Amino acid sequence: MASSKVKETAQQEVEQPVELPPARYVVRQFIQSETYSADRDILTALLDEGQLYTPAEVQAIINKFKNQEAL
């Protein structure tokens, strides 16, 4: 009976998916990406070379820049 309980516990641990943090990339990878080819100038101007970004962060920066009011 104890053996059965150990197997159940092991199966429960295996079935739970592991949540990984989102992938982060350097600025150069975004600039060279075809996905962001239309926004390369924006990325070059607004992103810091020494920092890592997720695609969601980069898209938010692009959207914020495009939606701000011109001065």
N, C-alpha and C. Protein backbone atom coordinates (compact mmCIF):
# COMPACT_ATOMS: atom_id res chain seq x y z
N MET A 1 0.81 -1.19 0.00
CA MET A 1 0.00 0.00 0.00
C MET A 1 0.86 1.26 0.00
N ALA A 2 1.94 1.26 0.74
CA ALA A 2 2.83 2.42 0.75
C ALA A 2 3.46 2.61 -0.61
N SER A 3 3.76 1.52 -1.30
CA SER A 3 4.33 1.58 -2.65
C SER A 3 3.36 2.25 -3.62
N SER A 4 2.09 1.96 -3.48
CA SER A 4 1.06 2.55 -4.33
C SER A 4 0.99 4.07 -4.13
N LYS A 5 1.09 4.50 -2.89
CA LYS A 5 1.01 5.92 -2.56
C LYS A 5 2.22 6.68 -3.13
N VAL A 6 3.39 6.07 -3.11
CA VAL A 6 4.60 6.68 -3.66
C VAL A 6 4.44 6.86 -5.16
N LYS A 7 3.89 5.87 -5.85
CA LYS A 7 3.68 5.95 -7.30
C LYS A 7 2.71 7.06 -7.64
N GLU A 8 1.63 7.20 -6.86
CA GLU A 8 0.65 8.26 -7.09
C GLU A 8 1.29 9.63 -6.93
N THR A 9 2.10 9.80 -5.91
CA THR A 9 2.78 11.07 -5.66
C THR A 9 3.74 11.39 -6.81
N ALA A 10 4.47 10.41 -7.27
CA ALA A 10 5.42 10.61 -8.38
C ALA A 10 4.68 11.00 -9.65
N GLN A 11 3.53 10.39 -9.91
CA GLN A 11 2.75 10.72 -11.10
C GLN A 11 2.21 12.14 -11.02
N GLN A 12 1.79 12.58 -9.86
CA GLN A 12 1.26 13.93 -9.69
C GLN A 12 2.35 14.96 -9.94
N GLU A 13 3.57 14.68 -9.51
CA GLU A 13 4.67 15.61 -9.72
C GLU A 13 5.03 15.72 -11.19
N VAL A 14 4.97 14.64 -11.92
CA VAL A 14 5.31 14.63 -13.34
C VAL A 14 4.24 15.35 -14.15
N GLU A 15 3.01 15.24 -13.79
CA GLU A 15 1.90 15.81 -14.55
C GLU A 15 1.82 17.33 -14.45
N GLN A 16 2.39 17.93 -13.45
CA GLN A 16 2.31 19.38 -13.29
C GLN A 16 3.30 20.05 -14.24
N PRO A 17 2.81 20.92 -15.14
CA PRO A 17 3.71 21.58 -16.08
C PRO A 17 4.59 22.61 -15.36
N VAL A 18 5.79 22.74 -15.84
CA VAL A 18 6.72 23.71 -15.29
C VAL A 18 6.58 25.00 -16.08
N GLU A 19 6.36 26.09 -15.39
CA GLU A 19 6.19 27.38 -16.05
C GLU A 19 7.54 28.07 -16.14
N LEU A 20 8.00 28.28 -17.36
CA LEU A 20 9.28 28.93 -17.59
C LEU A 20 9.09 30.43 -17.76
N PRO A 21 10.07 31.21 -17.38
CA PRO A 21 9.96 32.65 -17.61
C PRO A 21 10.04 32.93 -19.12
N PRO A 22 9.47 34.04 -19.58
CA PRO A 22 9.52 34.34 -21.01
C PRO A 22 10.96 34.55 -21.48
N ALA A 23 11.21 34.17 -22.72
CA ALA A 23 12.55 34.32 -23.29
C ALA A 23 12.89 35.80 -23.42
N ARG A 24 14.15 36.13 -23.16
CA ARG A 24 14.62 37.51 -23.25
C ARG A 24 15.76 37.54 -24.27
N TYR A 25 15.80 38.64 -25.03
CA TYR A 25 16.77 38.75 -26.11
C TYR A 25 17.49 40.10 -26.05
N VAL A 26 18.67 40.14 -26.65
CA VAL A 26 19.41 41.41 -26.74
C VAL A 26 18.84 42.22 -27.89
N VAL A 27 19.12 43.51 -27.88
CA VAL A 27 18.58 44.44 -28.87
C VAL A 27 18.93 44.00 -30.29
N ARG A 28 20.15 43.58 -30.51
CA ARG A 28 20.61 43.18 -31.85
C ARG A 28 19.72 42.09 -32.44
N GLN A 29 19.25 41.16 -31.61
CA GLN A 29 18.39 40.09 -32.11
C GLN A 29 17.06 40.62 -32.61
N PHE A 30 16.52 41.62 -31.94
CA PHE A 30 15.26 42.22 -32.39
C PHE A 30 15.48 43.01 -33.68
N ILE A 31 16.57 43.74 -33.73
CA ILE A 31 16.86 44.56 -34.91
C ILE A 31 17.06 43.69 -36.15
N GLN A 32 17.66 42.52 -35.99
CA GLN A 32 17.91 41.63 -37.11
C GLN A 32 16.70 40.76 -37.47
N SER A 33 15.70 40.76 -36.61
CA SER A 33 14.52 39.94 -36.83
C SER A 33 13.63 40.51 -37.94
N GLU A 34 13.11 39.63 -38.80
CA GLU A 34 12.17 40.05 -39.84
C GLU A 34 10.87 40.58 -39.23
N THR A 35 10.51 40.07 -38.07
CA THR A 35 9.27 40.49 -37.41
C THR A 35 9.26 41.99 -37.14
N TYR A 36 10.41 42.54 -36.79
CA TYR A 36 10.50 43.95 -36.43
C TYR A 36 11.20 44.78 -37.50
N SER A 37 11.25 44.30 -38.73
CA SER A 37 11.98 45.01 -39.79
C SER A 37 11.42 46.41 -40.05
N ALA A 38 10.13 46.59 -39.94
CA ALA A 38 9.53 47.91 -40.18
C ALA A 38 9.81 48.89 -39.03
N ASP A 39 10.19 48.38 -37.88
CA ASP A 39 10.38 49.22 -36.70
C ASP A 39 11.83 49.28 -36.24
N ARG A 40 12.76 48.94 -37.11
CA ARG A 40 14.18 48.90 -36.71
C ARG A 40 14.68 50.24 -36.21
N ASP A 41 14.27 51.33 -36.84
CA ASP A 41 14.72 52.65 -36.40
C ASP A 41 14.21 52.96 -34.99
N ILE A 42 12.97 52.59 -34.73
CA ILE A 42 12.39 52.81 -33.39
C ILE A 42 13.16 52.00 -32.35
N LEU A 43 13.44 50.75 -32.67
CA LEU A 43 14.15 49.88 -31.73
C LEU A 43 15.56 50.40 -31.47
N THR A 44 16.24 50.83 -32.52
CA THR A 44 17.60 51.35 -32.37
C THR A 44 17.60 52.58 -31.47
N ALA A 45 16.59 53.43 -31.62
CA ALA A 45 16.54 54.67 -30.84
C ALA A 45 16.10 54.46 -29.40
N LEU A 46 15.21 53.52 -29.16
CA LEU A 46 14.57 53.43 -27.83
C LEU A 46 15.09 52.33 -26.91
N LEU A 47 15.70 51.30 -27.47
CA LEU A 47 16.14 50.19 -26.62
C LEU A 47 17.59 50.38 -26.19
N ASP A 48 17.90 49.96 -24.96
CA ASP A 48 19.25 50.05 -24.42
C ASP A 48 20.04 48.80 -24.81
N GLU A 49 21.23 49.00 -25.36
CA GLU A 49 22.07 47.89 -25.83
C GLU A 49 22.37 46.85 -24.74
N GLY A 50 22.60 47.27 -23.53
CA GLY A 50 23.01 46.35 -22.47
C GLY A 50 21.88 45.63 -21.78
N GLN A 51 20.66 45.81 -22.23
CA GLN A 51 19.51 45.26 -21.54
C GLN A 51 18.88 44.14 -22.36
N LEU A 52 18.22 43.20 -21.68
CA LEU A 52 17.50 42.12 -22.33
C LEU A 52 16.01 42.45 -22.32
N TYR A 53 15.30 42.08 -23.38
CA TYR A 53 13.88 42.37 -23.51
C TYR A 53 13.12 41.12 -23.95
N THR A 54 11.86 41.04 -23.52
CA THR A 54 10.97 40.01 -24.04
C THR A 54 10.28 40.59 -25.27
N PRO A 55 9.78 39.74 -26.16
CA PRO A 55 9.03 40.26 -27.31
C PRO A 55 7.83 41.12 -26.89
N ALA A 56 7.18 40.77 -25.81
CA ALA A 56 6.04 41.56 -25.32
C ALA A 56 6.48 42.95 -24.88
N GLU A 57 7.62 43.04 -24.21
CA GLU A 57 8.15 44.34 -23.78
C GLU A 57 8.48 45.21 -24.99
N VAL A 58 9.11 44.61 -25.98
CA VAL A 58 9.48 45.36 -27.19
C VAL A 58 8.24 45.85 -27.91
N GLN A 59 7.25 44.99 -28.05
CA GLN A 59 6.02 45.39 -28.72
C GLN A 59 5.32 46.51 -27.97
N ALA A 60 5.34 46.48 -26.65
CA ALA A 60 4.74 47.55 -25.85
C ALA A 60 5.48 48.87 -26.06
N ILE A 61 6.80 48.83 -26.14
CA ILE A 61 7.60 50.03 -26.39
C ILE A 61 7.28 50.61 -27.77
N ILE A 62 7.18 49.75 -28.77
CA ILE A 62 6.84 50.19 -30.13
C ILE A 62 5.45 50.82 -30.15
N ASN A 63 4.48 50.15 -29.55
CA ASN A 63 3.11 50.67 -29.53
C ASN A 63 3.02 52.01 -28.82
N LYS A 64 3.70 52.13 -27.70
CA LYS A 64 3.68 53.38 -26.94
C LYS A 64 4.26 54.51 -27.79
N PHE A 65 5.36 54.23 -28.48
CA PHE A 65 5.99 55.25 -29.32
C PHE A 65 5.07 55.66 -30.47
N LYS A 66 4.45 54.69 -31.12
CA LYS A 66 3.59 54.98 -32.26
C LYS A 66 2.30 55.70 -31.86
N ASN A 67 1.84 55.48 -30.64
CA ASN A 67 0.57 56.06 -30.21
C ASN A 67 0.72 57.39 -29.46
N GLN A 68 1.96 57.81 -29.20
CA GLN A 68 2.11 59.07 -28.48
C GLN A 68 1.85 60.24 -29.43
N GLU A 69 1.41 61.32 -28.84
CA GLU A 69 1.08 62.51 -29.61
C GLU A 69 2.36 63.22 -30.04
N ALA A 70 2.39 63.64 -31.29
CA ALA A 70 3.56 64.36 -31.80
C ALA A 70 3.62 65.75 -31.19
N LEU A 71 4.81 66.21 -30.92
CA LEU A 71 4.98 67.55 -30.33
C LEU A 71 5.23 68.58 -31.39
